[in-house]
Amino acid sequence: MQTSDRQNQQLKIAARGALVGIVVYLIISSLKLGAAYFFHSASLRADGLNNLTDIISSILIFIGLRIARKPADEDHYFGHSKFEPLASFATSLIMFTVGLEVIKSSAERFIAQDYPTPDLQALWVGLAASVILLVTQRYIHYLAQQTQSMGLKASAKDLFSDFLTTLATMVAIAASSLGLAWLDILTALIIGAIILHTAYTIFKDSTFELSDGFDQEELEAYRAIVLKHPQIRAVPQIRARLCGQYVHVDISVLIDGHLSVIQSHHITEEIEQILAYNYNVYDVDVHVEPYFQTNLNQ
């Protein structure tokens, strides 16, 4: 089973989006961490570290997408698309580590009441970063919808979260200049919690796919549309799994036991076409079983 030209093109587009993410996050994290050092902002430092994990995330997603483009071989009959959620899983573990470090260091400063007042010039860095993040988020979201890439969908969510976090950081810096220096540290703690929450979301989604989980409502929709075929008497079993953005379906159908092999084969091809056309299913394995009156309750 070879990856089609269209699907290969989708992976190329998704990889391009991941590459854009790497470049943007390199710029953003460098600006924030540099400004945090010179302008003494704990929240900007936490925000910069958050973006630093996004660089690693984008690199892993880029590598995963490049590997996912490899065609199926003897050892990987379903192709290499699982490398994309595997990259997301690795990203979540890194984000857990960084989130815990941000919370630990910020909590220590909060308890010690170490509240340096940030320089208001840091606001300009936050403003520039928020504009760049929002523009990039809309672009990545557009590519994610085009390609249905799990990695890019996660990246788009993360970018929007980063945009909101940067706005919160700007508010904290402004408030600190008004005598609320503790708010900068508190915001850093909140950012650490946001990193952990994002890590958990990515971890949950990636492990669901890696363990071959599949949405039951979508599965029932597949069953319902197949049952509309005039020759299908029943669908005793249907299973599906995701490989990256591709869906593989394994389905058993009951048809008239008196039909010829050629007729049965034509029906299986029609089922494949129905699922591919209506739900963009990549691969369908149809098992045909003869239907007699005794099958009625099976």
Protein backbone atom coordinates (compact mmCIF):
# COMPACT_ATOMS: atom_id res chain seq x y z
CA MET A 1 0.00 0.00 0.00
CA GLN A 2 1.68 3.20 -1.22
CA THR A 3 0.96 6.68 0.07
CA SER A 4 -1.02 8.52 -2.62
CA ASP A 5 0.29 11.69 -4.26
CA ARG A 6 -2.48 13.74 -2.61
CA GLN A 7 -1.70 12.40 0.86
CA ASN A 8 2.02 12.87 0.30
CA GLN A 9 1.32 16.48 -0.68
CA GLN A 10 -0.71 16.95 2.53
CA LEU A 11 2.24 15.72 4.58
CA LYS A 12 4.54 18.14 2.76
CA ILE A 13 2.19 21.03 3.55
CA ALA A 14 1.99 19.94 7.20
CA ALA A 15 5.79 19.71 7.39
CA ARG A 16 6.01 23.24 5.98
CA GLY A 17 3.71 24.42 8.76
CA ALA A 18 5.90 22.75 11.39
CA LEU A 19 8.97 24.44 9.87
CA VAL A 20 7.26 27.84 10.09
CA GLY A 21 6.52 27.09 13.74
CA ILE A 22 10.19 26.35 14.43
CA VAL A 23 11.34 29.66 12.93
CA VAL A 24 8.65 31.71 14.70
CA TYR A 25 9.26 30.13 18.08
CA LEU A 26 13.02 30.62 17.74
CA ILE A 27 12.44 34.35 17.24
CA ILE A 28 9.78 34.65 19.95
CA SER A 29 11.61 32.68 22.64
CA SER A 30 14.88 34.54 21.98
CA LEU A 31 13.11 37.90 22.29
CA LYS A 32 11.26 36.94 25.47
CA LEU A 33 14.15 35.28 27.29
CA GLY A 34 16.50 38.13 26.38
CA ALA A 35 13.97 40.73 27.51
CA ALA A 36 13.22 38.78 30.70
CA TYR A 37 16.92 38.85 31.60
CA PHE A 38 17.46 42.56 30.89
CA PHE A 39 14.07 43.81 32.15
CA HIS A 40 13.77 41.46 35.19
CA SER A 41 10.41 39.85 34.44
CA ALA A 42 9.64 36.40 35.90
CA SER A 43 6.43 36.05 33.87
CA LEU A 44 8.25 36.88 30.62
CA ARG A 45 10.92 34.31 31.50
CA ALA A 46 8.25 31.66 32.10
CA ASP A 47 6.55 32.64 28.84
CA GLY A 48 9.88 32.38 27.01
CA LEU A 49 10.54 28.93 28.44
CA ASN A 50 7.06 27.93 27.33
CA ASN A 51 7.94 28.98 23.78
CA LEU A 52 11.24 27.13 24.08
CA THR A 53 9.31 23.89 24.54
CA ASP A 54 7.33 24.83 21.45
CA ILE A 55 10.56 24.86 19.42
CA ILE A 56 11.24 21.30 20.52
CA SER A 57 7.61 20.40 19.82
CA SER A 58 7.75 21.84 16.30
CA ILE A 59 11.06 20.08 15.58
CA LEU A 60 9.67 16.73 16.73
CA ILE A 61 6.48 17.23 14.70
CA PHE A 62 8.56 18.19 11.64
CA ILE A 63 10.67 15.03 12.01
CA GLY A 64 7.55 12.93 12.59
CA LEU A 65 5.91 14.31 9.45
CA ARG A 66 9.03 13.68 7.37
CA ILE A 67 9.12 10.05 8.53
CA ALA A 68 5.35 9.72 8.03
CA ARG A 69 5.85 10.47 4.33
CA LYS A 70 7.80 7.25 3.88
CA PRO A 71 5.78 4.62 2.00
CA ALA A 72 4.66 1.35 3.58
CA ASP A 73 7.21 -1.45 3.70
CA GLU A 74 7.46 -5.05 4.90
CA ASP A 75 7.83 -3.98 8.52
CA HIS A 76 5.21 -1.19 8.40
CA TYR A 77 2.26 -2.42 6.35
CA PHE A 78 0.11 0.57 7.35
CA GLY A 79 2.88 3.04 6.58
CA HIS A 80 4.76 5.30 8.98
CA SER A 81 1.98 7.76 9.92
CA LYS A 82 2.11 6.77 13.61
CA PHE A 83 5.35 8.74 13.88
CA GLU A 84 3.29 11.95 13.94
CA PRO A 85 1.36 11.15 17.18
CA LEU A 86 4.57 9.62 18.54
CA ALA A 87 6.26 13.01 18.08
CA SER A 88 3.33 14.67 19.88
CA PHE A 89 3.68 12.18 22.75
CA ALA A 90 7.39 12.98 23.13
CA THR A 91 6.54 16.69 23.08
CA SER A 92 4.06 16.29 25.94
CA LEU A 93 6.73 14.70 28.15
CA ILE A 94 9.12 17.61 27.52
CA MET A 95 6.36 20.11 28.26
CA PHE A 96 5.56 18.35 31.55
CA THR A 97 9.22 18.76 32.58
CA VAL A 98 9.38 22.46 31.66
CA GLY A 99 6.00 23.23 33.26
CA LEU A 100 7.09 21.68 36.55
CA GLU A 101 10.38 23.64 36.46
CA VAL A 102 8.55 26.93 35.88
CA ILE A 103 6.15 26.26 38.76
CA LYS A 104 8.99 25.20 41.08
CA SER A 105 11.20 28.24 40.42
CA SER A 106 8.27 30.69 40.53
CA ALA A 107 6.87 29.18 43.74
CA GLU A 108 10.26 29.51 45.42
CA ARG A 109 10.44 33.22 44.52
CA PHE A 110 6.83 33.76 45.56
CA ILE A 111 7.40 32.17 48.98
CA ALA A 112 10.64 34.12 49.45
CA GLN A 113 8.79 37.30 48.39
CA ASP A 114 11.45 37.99 45.78
CA TYR A 115 9.48 40.46 43.64
CA PRO A 116 11.71 42.45 41.26
CA THR A 117 9.82 45.16 39.37
CA PRO A 118 9.99 44.57 35.60
CA ASP A 119 11.00 47.37 33.24
CA LEU A 120 8.04 48.63 31.20
CA GLN A 121 10.12 48.28 28.02
CA ALA A 122 9.33 44.57 28.27
CA LEU A 123 5.79 45.46 27.16
CA TRP A 124 7.02 46.25 23.66
CA VAL A 125 8.51 42.78 23.39
CA GLY A 126 5.22 41.28 24.55
CA LEU A 127 3.25 43.34 22.04
CA ALA A 128 5.47 42.31 19.12
CA ALA A 129 5.37 38.66 20.22
CA SER A 130 1.56 38.62 20.54
CA VAL A 131 1.08 39.97 17.00
CA ILE A 132 3.51 37.43 15.53
CA LEU A 133 1.87 34.59 17.46
CA LEU A 134 -1.66 35.49 16.37
CA VAL A 135 -0.72 35.76 12.67
CA THR A 136 1.18 32.46 12.83
CA GLN A 137 -1.69 30.76 14.67
CA ARG A 138 -4.18 31.65 11.93
CA TYR A 139 -1.79 30.34 9.27
CA ILE A 140 -1.12 27.04 11.08
CA HIS A 141 -4.84 26.61 11.80
CA TYR A 142 -5.54 27.01 8.08
CA LEU A 143 -2.92 24.37 7.19
CA ALA A 144 -4.27 22.02 9.89
CA GLN A 145 -7.77 22.21 8.39
CA GLN A 146 -6.34 21.57 4.93
CA THR A 147 -4.28 18.54 5.92
CA GLN A 148 -6.17 17.21 9.00
CA SER A 149 -2.76 16.84 10.62
CA MET A 150 -2.96 15.97 14.32
CA GLY A 151 0.42 17.61 14.90
CA LEU A 152 -0.62 20.89 13.27
CA LYS A 153 -3.97 20.92 15.10
CA ALA A 154 -2.08 20.60 18.39
CA SER A 155 0.34 23.31 17.25
CA ALA A 156 -2.52 25.69 16.35
CA LYS A 157 -4.10 25.18 19.80
CA ASP A 158 -0.73 25.74 21.45
CA LEU A 159 -0.13 28.93 19.44
CA PHE A 160 -3.46 30.39 20.53
CA SER A 161 -2.70 29.44 24.12
CA ASP A 162 0.68 31.17 23.76
CA PHE A 163 -1.02 34.28 22.38
CA LEU A 164 -3.33 34.49 25.41
CA THR A 165 -0.43 33.77 27.75
CA THR A 166 1.60 36.61 26.23
CA LEU A 167 -1.33 39.00 26.73
CA ALA A 168 -1.54 37.91 30.38
CA THR A 169 2.20 38.49 30.72
CA MET A 170 1.82 42.04 29.40
CA VAL A 171 -0.93 42.75 31.94
CA ALA A 172 1.27 41.40 34.74
CA ILE A 173 4.22 43.57 33.69
CA ALA A 174 2.00 46.66 33.52
CA ALA A 175 0.48 45.88 36.93
CA SER A 176 3.94 45.41 38.45
CA SER A 177 4.86 48.98 37.49
CA LEU A 178 1.87 50.13 39.57
CA GLY A 179 3.21 48.51 42.73
CA LEU A 180 1.88 44.99 42.21
CA ALA A 181 5.26 43.33 41.63
CA TRP A 182 4.00 40.07 43.14
CA LEU A 183 1.58 39.76 40.21
CA ASP A 184 4.50 39.11 37.84
CA ILE A 185 5.52 36.05 39.89
CA LEU A 186 1.90 34.90 40.21
CA THR A 187 1.49 35.11 36.43
CA ALA A 188 4.61 32.98 36.02
CA LEU A 189 2.97 30.34 38.24
CA ILE A 190 -0.19 30.47 36.12
CA ILE A 191 1.87 30.10 32.94
CA GLY A 192 3.49 27.00 34.44
CA ALA A 193 0.03 25.57 35.09
CA ILE A 194 -1.00 26.37 31.49
CA ILE A 195 2.07 24.52 30.20
CA LEU A 196 1.11 21.47 32.28
CA HIS A 197 -2.50 21.61 31.06
CA THR A 198 -1.39 21.82 27.42
CA ALA A 199 1.03 18.95 28.00
CA TYR A 200 -1.76 16.83 29.46
CA THR A 201 -4.08 17.57 26.50
CA ILE A 202 -1.41 16.61 23.96
CA PHE A 203 -0.49 13.53 26.02
CA LYS A 204 -4.13 12.39 26.17
CA ASP A 205 -4.76 12.89 22.44
CA SER A 206 -1.52 11.24 21.32
CA THR A 207 -1.85 8.20 23.59
CA PHE A 208 -5.47 7.75 22.46
CA GLU A 209 -4.31 7.50 18.85
CA LEU A 210 -1.20 5.44 19.60
CA SER A 211 -3.36 2.90 21.45
CA ASP A 212 -5.72 2.71 18.42
CA GLY A 213 -8.57 4.55 20.10
CA PHE A 214 -11.32 5.77 17.78
CA ASP A 215 -14.41 7.97 18.14
CA GLN A 216 -17.44 5.67 18.53
CA GLU A 217 -19.91 8.17 17.07
CA GLU A 218 -17.86 8.40 13.89
CA LEU A 219 -17.65 4.60 13.76
CA GLU A 220 -21.45 4.33 14.00
CA ALA A 221 -21.75 6.87 11.18
CA TYR A 222 -19.63 4.56 9.01
CA ARG A 223 -21.88 1.64 9.90
CA ALA A 224 -25.05 3.61 9.13
CA ILE A 225 -23.95 4.72 5.67
CA VAL A 226 -22.79 1.20 4.73
CA LEU A 227 -26.18 -0.19 5.79
CA LYS A 228 -27.84 2.09 3.24
CA HIS A 229 -26.34 -0.05 0.47
CA PRO A 230 -29.20 -2.15 -0.96
CA GLN A 231 -27.18 -5.39 -0.89
CA ILE A 232 -25.98 -5.09 2.72
CA ARG A 233 -28.13 -7.05 5.17
CA ALA A 234 -26.13 -6.35 8.32
CA VAL A 235 -22.80 -5.08 9.64
CA PRO A 236 -21.88 -7.45 12.47
CA GLN A 237 -18.48 -5.85 13.08
CA ILE A 238 -16.69 -2.61 12.26
CA ARG A 239 -13.37 -1.33 13.59
CA ALA A 240 -11.22 1.66 12.72
CA ARG A 241 -7.85 3.08 13.62
CA LEU A 242 -6.02 6.31 12.93
CA CYS A 243 -2.56 6.50 11.40
CA GLY A 244 -1.72 10.18 11.53
CA GLN A 245 -4.48 11.87 9.53
CA TYR A 246 -5.44 8.64 7.76
CA VAL A 247 -8.31 6.35 8.76
CA HIS A 248 -8.11 2.58 8.27
CA VAL A 249 -11.40 0.65 8.53
CA ASP A 250 -11.92 -3.08 9.03
CA ILE A 251 -15.56 -4.04 8.39
CA SER A 252 -17.56 -7.29 8.17
CA VAL A 253 -20.78 -7.28 6.15
CA LEU A 254 -23.53 -9.81 5.51
CA ILE A 255 -24.78 -10.11 1.93
CA ASP A 256 -27.01 -12.54 0.06
CA GLY A 257 -25.29 -15.92 0.23
CA HIS A 258 -26.38 -16.76 -3.31
CA LEU A 259 -24.46 -13.93 -4.95
CA SER A 260 -21.44 -14.83 -7.07
CA VAL A 261 -17.86 -14.05 -6.09
CA ILE A 262 -17.69 -11.33 -8.76
CA GLN A 263 -20.89 -9.70 -7.47
CA SER A 264 -19.58 -9.83 -3.90
CA HIS A 265 -16.31 -8.27 -5.02
CA HIS A 266 -18.16 -5.40 -6.71
CA ILE A 267 -20.06 -4.75 -3.48
CA THR A 268 -16.82 -4.54 -1.48
CA GLU A 269 -15.46 -2.01 -3.97
CA GLU A 270 -18.63 0.06 -3.64
CA ILE A 271 -18.28 0.03 0.17
CA GLU A 272 -14.70 1.27 -0.16
CA GLN A 273 -15.85 4.07 -2.48
CA ILE A 274 -18.73 5.07 -0.18
CA LEU A 275 -16.46 5.45 2.86
CA ALA A 276 -13.68 7.14 0.89
CA TYR A 277 -16.05 9.66 -0.71
CA ASN A 278 -18.16 10.51 2.35
CA TYR A 279 -15.56 10.30 5.12
CA ASN A 280 -12.20 10.45 3.34
CA VAL A 281 -11.29 6.99 4.67
CA TYR A 282 -7.86 6.03 3.38
CA ASP A 283 -8.02 2.23 3.53
CA VAL A 284 -10.93 -0.22 3.91
CA ASP A 285 -10.65 -3.96 4.50
CA VAL A 286 -14.06 -5.55 3.81
CA HIS A 287 -14.88 -9.07 5.05
CA VAL A 288 -17.87 -10.60 3.27
CA GLU A 289 -20.03 -13.22 5.00
CA PRO A 290 -23.03 -15.02 3.46
CA TYR A 291 -26.44 -13.93 4.71
CA PHE A 292 -29.18 -16.52 5.24
CA GLN A 293 -32.25 -16.31 7.44
CA THR A 294 -30.28 -17.92 10.29
CA ASN A 295 -27.98 -14.85 10.34
CA LEU A 296 -30.84 -12.55 11.26
CA ASN A 297 -29.99 -12.25 14.94
CA GLN A 298 -26.23 -12.34 14.54
